[in-house]
Amino acid sequence: MEFIDETMLFNKDDFSNHNIHNMLLEVFDALSEKGYHPINQIVGYLMSGDPAYIPRHNEARNRIRQFDRDEILEELLITYLKKYGRMN
């Protein structure tokens, strides 16, 4: 195995953003499996902070609570704006 003696850069934001994306997909799937309307339930949680909007099914409630609601909202907004070419 060859070692490269270069300093690696770690961007916490890239790691966190990827985890938020994965978490949202997992929570969405868990809500769908239980027969809930995922968008309504996630919005209810984000607006109120009440975890009762998210079921415990497949650890969805624990997964979404790993992130601050403002982090989730920020990531959703950034993703939306990037999609429509307003951010790089």
Protein backbone atom coordinates (compact mmCIF):
# COMPACT_ATOMS: atom_id res chain seq x y z
CA MET A 1 0.00 0.00 0.00
CA GLU A 2 1.38 3.36 -1.01
CA PHE A 3 1.21 6.34 1.34
CA ILE A 4 0.69 9.80 -0.05
CA ASP A 5 2.07 12.44 2.26
CA GLU A 6 -0.44 15.16 1.52
CA THR A 7 -2.75 16.89 3.91
CA MET A 8 -6.35 15.91 3.33
CA LEU A 9 -9.09 18.46 3.81
CA PHE A 10 -12.31 17.48 5.51
CA ASN A 11 -15.37 19.60 4.85
CA LYS A 12 -17.83 19.03 7.68
CA ASP A 13 -20.57 20.73 5.69
CA ASP A 14 -20.35 18.19 2.86
CA PHE A 15 -20.51 15.31 5.34
CA SER A 16 -23.40 16.85 7.28
CA ASN A 17 -25.34 17.72 4.11
CA HIS A 18 -25.01 14.17 2.84
CA ASN A 19 -26.25 12.83 6.17
CA ILE A 20 -29.22 15.21 6.18
CA HIS A 21 -30.15 14.09 2.66
CA ASN A 22 -29.94 10.42 3.63
CA MET A 23 -31.88 11.00 6.83
CA LEU A 24 -34.69 12.79 5.02
CA LEU A 25 -35.00 9.97 2.50
CA GLU A 26 -35.09 7.37 5.28
CA VAL A 27 -37.69 9.34 7.26
CA PHE A 28 -39.76 9.87 4.10
CA ASP A 29 -39.70 6.12 3.40
CA ALA A 30 -40.63 5.23 6.98
CA LEU A 31 -43.57 7.64 6.89
CA SER A 32 -44.73 6.23 3.55
CA GLU A 33 -44.49 2.66 4.85
CA LYS A 34 -46.74 3.57 7.77
CA GLY A 35 -49.30 5.17 5.44
CA TYR A 36 -48.67 8.81 6.41
CA HIS A 37 -48.34 11.74 4.02
CA PRO A 38 -44.57 12.28 4.42
CA ILE A 39 -44.43 15.94 3.42
CA ASN A 40 -47.18 16.95 5.83
CA GLN A 41 -45.59 15.03 8.70
CA ILE A 42 -42.08 16.40 8.10
CA VAL A 43 -43.38 19.96 7.76
CA GLY A 44 -45.37 19.50 10.96
CA TYR A 45 -42.23 18.42 12.77
CA LEU A 46 -40.09 21.22 11.32
CA MET A 47 -42.67 23.89 12.16
CA SER A 48 -43.51 22.72 15.67
CA GLY A 49 -40.51 20.75 16.87
CA ASP A 50 -42.90 18.09 18.14
CA PRO A 51 -41.34 14.68 17.44
CA ALA A 52 -44.79 13.05 17.62
CA TYR A 53 -45.18 13.94 13.93
CA ILE A 54 -42.51 11.36 13.11
CA PRO A 55 -43.10 7.69 13.96
CA ARG A 56 -40.58 5.46 15.68
CA HIS A 57 -40.86 3.05 12.75
CA ASN A 58 -37.37 2.21 11.39
CA GLU A 59 -35.84 4.66 13.90
CA ALA A 60 -37.24 7.60 11.89
CA ARG A 61 -37.86 9.73 14.98
CA ASN A 62 -34.36 9.17 16.32
CA ARG A 63 -32.82 9.83 12.90
CA ILE A 64 -34.55 13.18 12.34
CA ARG A 65 -33.74 14.35 15.87
CA GLN A 66 -30.01 13.89 15.22
CA PHE A 67 -30.09 17.25 13.43
CA ASP A 68 -31.29 20.66 14.54
CA ARG A 69 -34.43 21.72 12.73
CA ASP A 70 -32.69 24.86 11.46
CA GLU A 71 -29.95 22.70 9.90
CA ILE A 72 -32.57 20.65 8.08
CA LEU A 73 -34.42 23.76 6.87
CA GLU A 74 -31.17 25.36 5.74
CA GLU A 75 -30.22 22.27 3.75
CA LEU A 76 -33.67 22.06 2.16
CA LEU A 77 -33.49 25.72 1.11
CA ILE A 78 -29.95 25.42 -0.25
CA THR A 79 -30.86 22.31 -2.24
CA TYR A 80 -33.95 24.03 -3.66
CA LEU A 81 -32.06 27.18 -4.63
CA LYS A 82 -29.24 25.18 -6.24
CA LYS A 83 -31.79 23.23 -8.28
CA TYR A 84 -33.11 26.48 -9.74
CA GLY A 85 -29.68 27.98 -10.37
CA ARG A 86 -29.75 30.61 -7.64
CA MET A 87 -26.72 29.22 -5.81
CA ASN A 88 -23.52 27.53 -6.94
